[in-house]
Amino acid sequence: MQDGTRAKLQTEKRYCVIARIWNGSAQPQKADAYVTHLREKTFPLLEHMPGHRGAYVLRRNVGSQVAFTVITLWESIDAITAFAGPDSEMAVVPAEAQALLESWARRAVHWDVAYQTLG
């Protein structure tokens, strides 16, 4: 979605959110600890950031790994940049999370939420 379209949706009072999607994987014995890290460390910090609108953690077993997709919801690219830095698609993976993950994407992908039924 172009920035002009985002501005129009916001002006029209329609729901406008950006989903920041990122992937990683962990060994099964560290998977629960990674979810705990997100729940107890990462998400409480995000809740206080202006423009943060929630998050989902998806997980599934894939062979000998546990794959994760983390989706955070934001009201604007400016809000994402405040979180991620000037390169808004750069992954934010603190050292404590890196120690729990086997691999992770170095970049996140941003999607405009075109329609939602929650809330």
N, C-alpha and C. Protein backbone atom coordinates (compact mmCIF):
# COMPACT_ATOMS: atom_id res chain seq x y z
N MET A 1 0.85 -1.17 0.00
CA MET A 1 0.00 0.00 0.00
C MET A 1 0.89 1.23 0.00
N GLN A 2 0.58 2.16 -0.84
CA GLN A 2 1.35 3.39 -0.92
C GLN A 2 1.03 4.26 0.30
N ASP A 3 2.00 5.13 0.69
CA ASP A 3 1.79 5.99 1.85
C ASP A 3 0.54 6.85 1.70
N GLY A 4 0.23 7.31 0.48
CA GLY A 4 -0.98 8.10 0.25
C GLY A 4 -2.24 7.32 0.55
N THR A 5 -2.24 6.03 0.21
CA THR A 5 -3.39 5.18 0.50
C THR A 5 -3.53 4.98 2.00
N ARG A 6 -2.40 4.78 2.70
CA ARG A 6 -2.45 4.66 4.16
C ARG A 6 -3.05 5.91 4.78
N ALA A 7 -2.58 7.08 4.33
CA ALA A 7 -3.08 8.34 4.87
C ALA A 7 -4.58 8.47 4.61
N LYS A 8 -5.04 8.07 3.42
CA LYS A 8 -6.46 8.15 3.09
C LYS A 8 -7.27 7.24 4.00
N LEU A 9 -6.80 6.01 4.23
CA LEU A 9 -7.52 5.09 5.12
C LEU A 9 -7.61 5.66 6.52
N GLN A 10 -6.50 6.25 7.00
CA GLN A 10 -6.51 6.82 8.34
C GLN A 10 -7.46 8.02 8.40
N THR A 11 -7.50 8.83 7.36
CA THR A 11 -8.41 9.98 7.31
C THR A 11 -9.86 9.52 7.29
N GLU A 12 -10.13 8.44 6.58
CA GLU A 12 -11.49 7.92 6.49
C GLU A 12 -11.90 7.14 7.74
N LYS A 13 -11.03 7.07 8.73
CA LYS A 13 -11.28 6.36 9.99
C LYS A 13 -11.41 4.85 9.79
N ARG A 14 -10.85 4.32 8.71
CA ARG A 14 -10.84 2.89 8.50
C ARG A 14 -9.62 2.30 9.19
N TYR A 15 -9.71 1.04 9.52
CA TYR A 15 -8.65 0.33 10.22
C TYR A 15 -7.40 0.27 9.35
N CYS A 16 -6.28 0.78 9.83
CA CYS A 16 -5.03 0.77 9.06
C CYS A 16 -3.91 0.30 9.98
N VAL A 17 -3.41 -0.88 9.73
CA VAL A 17 -2.37 -1.47 10.56
C VAL A 17 -1.34 -2.12 9.65
N ILE A 18 -0.10 -2.12 10.11
CA ILE A 18 0.97 -2.81 9.40
C ILE A 18 1.39 -4.01 10.24
N ALA A 19 1.44 -5.18 9.60
CA ALA A 19 1.91 -6.39 10.25
C ALA A 19 3.39 -6.57 9.91
N ARG A 20 4.22 -6.64 10.93
CA ARG A 20 5.65 -6.89 10.78
C ARG A 20 5.85 -8.38 11.04
N ILE A 21 6.33 -9.10 10.04
CA ILE A 21 6.39 -10.57 10.12
C ILE A 21 7.85 -11.01 10.04
N TRP A 22 8.21 -11.88 10.96
CA TRP A 22 9.59 -12.34 11.10
C TRP A 22 9.58 -13.82 11.44
N ASN A 23 10.62 -14.55 11.00
CA ASN A 23 10.70 -16.00 11.22
C ASN A 23 12.01 -16.40 11.88
N GLY A 24 11.91 -17.45 12.67
CA GLY A 24 13.09 -18.05 13.29
C GLY A 24 12.80 -19.50 13.62
N SER A 25 13.80 -20.21 14.11
CA SER A 25 13.58 -21.60 14.52
C SER A 25 14.46 -21.92 15.72
N ALA A 26 14.02 -22.92 16.47
CA ALA A 26 14.73 -23.33 17.69
C ALA A 26 14.75 -24.85 17.78
N GLN A 27 15.68 -25.34 18.56
CA GLN A 27 15.68 -26.75 18.92
C GLN A 27 14.48 -26.97 19.84
N PRO A 28 13.84 -28.14 19.78
CA PRO A 28 12.64 -28.37 20.60
C PRO A 28 12.85 -28.09 22.09
N GLN A 29 14.03 -28.40 22.62
CA GLN A 29 14.27 -28.20 24.05
C GLN A 29 14.40 -26.71 24.43
N LYS A 30 14.53 -25.83 23.44
CA LYS A 30 14.62 -24.39 23.73
C LYS A 30 13.38 -23.61 23.27
N ALA A 31 12.46 -24.29 22.62
CA ALA A 31 11.30 -23.59 22.03
C ALA A 31 10.42 -22.93 23.09
N ASP A 32 10.10 -23.64 24.16
CA ASP A 32 9.26 -23.05 25.20
C ASP A 32 9.97 -21.86 25.86
N ALA A 33 11.27 -21.97 26.03
CA ALA A 33 12.02 -20.87 26.64
C ALA A 33 11.99 -19.63 25.74
N TYR A 34 11.99 -19.83 24.42
CA TYR A 34 11.91 -18.69 23.51
C TYR A 34 10.55 -18.00 23.64
N VAL A 35 9.47 -18.77 23.70
CA VAL A 35 8.14 -18.18 23.87
C VAL A 35 8.07 -17.44 25.20
N THR A 36 8.64 -18.02 26.24
CA THR A 36 8.68 -17.35 27.54
C THR A 36 9.44 -16.04 27.46
N HIS A 37 10.57 -16.04 26.74
CA HIS A 37 11.34 -14.81 26.56
C HIS A 37 10.47 -13.73 25.90
N LEU A 38 9.77 -14.10 24.85
CA LEU A 38 8.91 -13.13 24.17
C LEU A 38 7.83 -12.60 25.13
N ARG A 39 7.18 -13.52 25.82
CA ARG A 39 6.06 -13.16 26.70
C ARG A 39 6.51 -12.30 27.88
N GLU A 40 7.68 -12.61 28.44
CA GLU A 40 8.10 -11.93 29.67
C GLU A 40 9.05 -10.75 29.44
N LYS A 41 9.77 -10.74 28.33
CA LYS A 41 10.75 -9.67 28.10
C LYS A 41 10.37 -8.77 26.93
N THR A 42 10.15 -9.36 25.76
CA THR A 42 9.95 -8.55 24.56
C THR A 42 8.59 -7.86 24.54
N PHE A 43 7.52 -8.62 24.69
CA PHE A 43 6.19 -8.05 24.53
C PHE A 43 5.84 -7.01 25.60
N PRO A 44 6.26 -7.17 26.86
CA PRO A 44 6.00 -6.09 27.81
C PRO A 44 6.66 -4.77 27.41
N LEU A 45 7.82 -4.83 26.79
CA LEU A 45 8.46 -3.60 26.32
C LEU A 45 7.69 -3.00 25.15
N LEU A 46 7.25 -3.85 24.23
CA LEU A 46 6.51 -3.36 23.07
C LEU A 46 5.19 -2.71 23.46
N GLU A 47 4.55 -3.24 24.50
CA GLU A 47 3.25 -2.71 24.92
C GLU A 47 3.32 -1.23 25.28
N HIS A 48 4.49 -0.75 25.67
CA HIS A 48 4.65 0.65 26.05
C HIS A 48 5.11 1.54 24.90
N MET A 49 5.33 0.95 23.73
CA MET A 49 5.79 1.74 22.59
C MET A 49 4.60 2.36 21.86
N PRO A 50 4.65 3.66 21.61
CA PRO A 50 3.57 4.29 20.84
C PRO A 50 3.44 3.63 19.47
N GLY A 51 2.21 3.33 19.10
CA GLY A 51 1.95 2.75 17.78
C GLY A 51 1.94 1.24 17.74
N HIS A 52 2.35 0.57 18.82
CA HIS A 52 2.30 -0.90 18.85
C HIS A 52 0.87 -1.32 19.12
N ARG A 53 0.36 -2.27 18.33
CA ARG A 53 -1.04 -2.67 18.42
C ARG A 53 -1.26 -4.15 18.74
N GLY A 54 -0.21 -4.87 19.13
CA GLY A 54 -0.39 -6.27 19.51
C GLY A 54 0.58 -7.17 18.78
N ALA A 55 0.50 -8.47 19.11
CA ALA A 55 1.44 -9.44 18.54
C ALA A 55 0.85 -10.84 18.57
N TYR A 56 1.36 -11.67 17.69
CA TYR A 56 1.06 -13.10 17.65
C TYR A 56 2.37 -13.84 17.54
N VAL A 57 2.44 -15.02 18.17
CA VAL A 57 3.56 -15.93 17.98
C VAL A 57 2.97 -17.24 17.46
N LEU A 58 3.38 -17.62 16.26
CA LEU A 58 2.94 -18.88 15.66
C LEU A 58 4.09 -19.87 15.76
N ARG A 59 3.77 -21.12 16.02
CA ARG A 59 4.82 -22.14 16.09
C ARG A 59 4.32 -23.44 15.51
N ARG A 60 5.28 -24.20 14.95
CA ARG A 60 4.96 -25.55 14.46
C ARG A 60 6.23 -26.35 14.38
N ASN A 61 6.07 -27.65 14.54
CA ASN A 61 7.20 -28.56 14.42
C ASN A 61 7.49 -28.79 12.94
N VAL A 62 8.75 -28.65 12.58
CA VAL A 62 9.20 -28.87 11.21
C VAL A 62 10.45 -29.73 11.30
N GLY A 63 10.30 -31.01 11.02
CA GLY A 63 11.44 -31.92 11.15
C GLY A 63 11.95 -31.92 12.58
N SER A 64 13.23 -31.67 12.74
CA SER A 64 13.83 -31.68 14.08
C SER A 64 13.86 -30.30 14.71
N GLN A 65 13.19 -29.34 14.12
CA GLN A 65 13.16 -27.95 14.62
C GLN A 65 11.74 -27.53 14.98
N VAL A 66 11.65 -26.44 15.73
CA VAL A 66 10.39 -25.77 15.96
C VAL A 66 10.49 -24.42 15.24
N ALA A 67 9.61 -24.22 14.27
CA ALA A 67 9.61 -22.97 13.49
C ALA A 67 8.68 -21.96 14.16
N PHE A 68 9.10 -20.71 14.14
CA PHE A 68 8.30 -19.62 14.69
C PHE A 68 8.07 -18.56 13.63
N THR A 69 6.88 -18.01 13.64
CA THR A 69 6.59 -16.78 12.92
C THR A 69 6.06 -15.81 13.96
N VAL A 70 6.70 -14.66 14.06
CA VAL A 70 6.29 -13.63 15.02
C VAL A 70 5.68 -12.49 14.21
N ILE A 71 4.46 -12.14 14.55
CA ILE A 71 3.76 -11.05 13.87
C ILE A 71 3.49 -9.97 14.89
N THR A 72 4.05 -8.79 14.67
CA THR A 72 3.72 -7.65 15.51
C THR A 72 2.91 -6.67 14.67
N LEU A 73 1.99 -5.99 15.31
CA LEU A 73 1.09 -5.08 14.62
C LEU A 73 1.40 -3.65 15.02
N TRP A 74 1.43 -2.78 14.03
CA TRP A 74 1.85 -1.38 14.23
C TRP A 74 0.93 -0.44 13.48
N GLU A 75 0.78 0.76 13.99
CA GLU A 75 -0.10 1.72 13.33
C GLU A 75 0.58 2.51 12.22
N SER A 76 1.93 2.47 12.15
CA SER A 76 2.63 3.23 11.10
C SER A 76 4.06 2.74 10.94
N ILE A 77 4.65 3.09 9.81
CA ILE A 77 6.07 2.81 9.60
C ILE A 77 6.91 3.60 10.61
N ASP A 78 6.47 4.80 10.96
CA ASP A 78 7.20 5.58 11.97
C ASP A 78 7.26 4.83 13.29
N ALA A 79 6.18 4.17 13.68
CA ALA A 79 6.18 3.39 14.92
C ALA A 79 7.14 2.21 14.81
N ILE A 80 7.17 1.56 13.66
CA ILE A 80 8.10 0.45 13.45
C ILE A 80 9.54 0.95 13.51
N THR A 81 9.81 2.07 12.88
CA THR A 81 11.16 2.65 12.88
C THR A 81 11.61 2.99 14.29
N ALA A 82 10.70 3.46 15.13
CA ALA A 82 11.05 3.74 16.53
C ALA A 82 11.49 2.47 17.25
N PHE A 83 10.93 1.34 16.85
CA PHE A 83 11.30 0.05 17.42
C PHE A 83 12.57 -0.53 16.78
N ALA A 84 12.60 -0.57 15.46
CA ALA A 84 13.65 -1.30 14.74
C ALA A 84 14.86 -0.45 14.36
N GLY A 85 14.69 0.86 14.32
CA GLY A 85 15.77 1.73 13.87
C GLY A 85 15.54 2.18 12.44
N PRO A 86 16.49 2.95 11.89
CA PRO A 86 16.28 3.57 10.58
C PRO A 86 16.04 2.57 9.44
N ASP A 87 16.61 1.37 9.53
CA ASP A 87 16.32 0.32 8.56
C ASP A 87 15.16 -0.49 9.15
N SER A 88 13.94 -0.07 8.86
CA SER A 88 12.77 -0.62 9.55
C SER A 88 12.55 -2.11 9.33
N GLU A 89 13.17 -2.68 8.30
CA GLU A 89 13.00 -4.12 8.06
C GLU A 89 14.10 -4.97 8.70
N MET A 90 15.06 -4.33 9.35
CA MET A 90 16.11 -5.08 10.04
C MET A 90 15.49 -5.83 11.23
N ALA A 91 15.81 -7.10 11.36
CA ALA A 91 15.30 -7.89 12.48
C ALA A 91 15.89 -7.38 13.79
N VAL A 92 15.09 -7.43 14.84
CA VAL A 92 15.54 -7.07 16.18
C VAL A 92 15.55 -8.36 16.99
N VAL A 93 16.74 -8.90 17.21
CA VAL A 93 16.89 -10.18 17.91
C VAL A 93 17.95 -9.99 19.00
N PRO A 94 17.54 -9.68 20.23
CA PRO A 94 18.51 -9.48 21.30
C PRO A 94 19.34 -10.73 21.57
N ALA A 95 20.49 -10.55 22.19
CA ALA A 95 21.42 -11.65 22.47
C ALA A 95 20.73 -12.78 23.23
N GLU A 96 19.87 -12.45 24.18
CA GLU A 96 19.19 -13.49 24.96
C GLU A 96 18.30 -14.35 24.06
N ALA A 97 17.64 -13.74 23.09
CA ALA A 97 16.81 -14.50 22.14
C ALA A 97 17.69 -15.30 21.19
N GLN A 98 18.78 -14.71 20.74
CA GLN A 98 19.70 -15.42 19.84
C GLN A 98 20.20 -16.71 20.47
N ALA A 99 20.44 -16.68 21.78
CA ALA A 99 20.93 -17.87 22.48
C ALA A 99 19.89 -19.00 22.49
N LEU A 100 18.63 -18.66 22.31
CA LEU A 100 17.57 -19.67 22.31
C LEU A 100 17.20 -20.16 20.92
N LEU A 101 17.62 -19.42 19.91
CA LEU A 101 17.24 -19.75 18.54
C LEU A 101 18.37 -20.48 17.81
N GLU A 102 17.99 -21.38 16.94
CA GLU A 102 18.94 -22.09 16.08
C GLU A 102 19.27 -21.24 14.86
N SER A 103 18.24 -20.58 14.32
CA SER A 103 18.42 -19.70 13.17
C SER A 103 17.31 -18.66 13.18
N TRP A 104 17.54 -17.57 12.47
CA TRP A 104 16.53 -16.51 12.38
C TRP A 104 16.75 -15.68 11.15
N ALA A 105 15.66 -15.12 10.65
CA ALA A 105 15.73 -14.23 9.48
C ALA A 105 16.39 -12.92 9.92
N ARG A 106 17.23 -12.41 9.07
CA ARG A 106 17.91 -11.15 9.38
C ARG A 106 17.03 -9.94 9.08
N ARG A 107 15.92 -10.20 8.35
CA ARG A 107 15.03 -9.10 7.97
C ARG A 107 13.59 -9.50 8.23
N ALA A 108 12.80 -8.54 8.58
CA ALA A 108 11.36 -8.71 8.73
C ALA A 108 10.69 -8.22 7.44
N VAL A 109 9.46 -8.61 7.25
CA VAL A 109 8.67 -8.17 6.09
C VAL A 109 7.45 -7.45 6.64
N HIS A 110 7.08 -6.35 6.00
CA HIS A 110 5.92 -5.57 6.44
C HIS A 110 4.78 -5.75 5.45
N TRP A 111 3.61 -6.02 6.00
CA TRP A 111 2.40 -6.20 5.19
C TRP A 111 1.34 -5.24 5.72
N ASP A 112 0.61 -4.60 4.82
CA ASP A 112 -0.54 -3.81 5.22
C ASP A 112 -1.70 -4.75 5.47
N VAL A 113 -2.37 -4.58 6.59
CA VAL A 113 -3.54 -5.38 6.90
C VAL A 113 -4.70 -4.79 6.09
N ALA A 114 -5.21 -5.56 5.15
CA ALA A 114 -6.26 -5.09 4.25
C ALA A 114 -7.65 -5.27 4.88
N TYR A 115 -7.78 -6.24 5.78
CA TYR A 115 -9.07 -6.51 6.39
C TYR A 115 -8.82 -7.28 7.66
N GLN A 116 -9.62 -7.04 8.68
CA GLN A 116 -9.51 -7.79 9.92
C GLN A 116 -10.87 -7.95 10.56
N THR A 117 -11.04 -9.03 11.32
CA THR A 117 -12.31 -9.29 11.98
C THR A 117 -12.21 -9.17 13.49
N LEU A 118 -11.00 -9.04 14.02
CA LEU A 118 -10.82 -8.94 15.48
C LEU A 118 -11.07 -7.50 15.92
N GLY A 119 -11.50 -7.36 17.19
CA GLY A 119 -11.61 -6.04 17.78
C GLY A 119 -12.79 -5.33 17.33
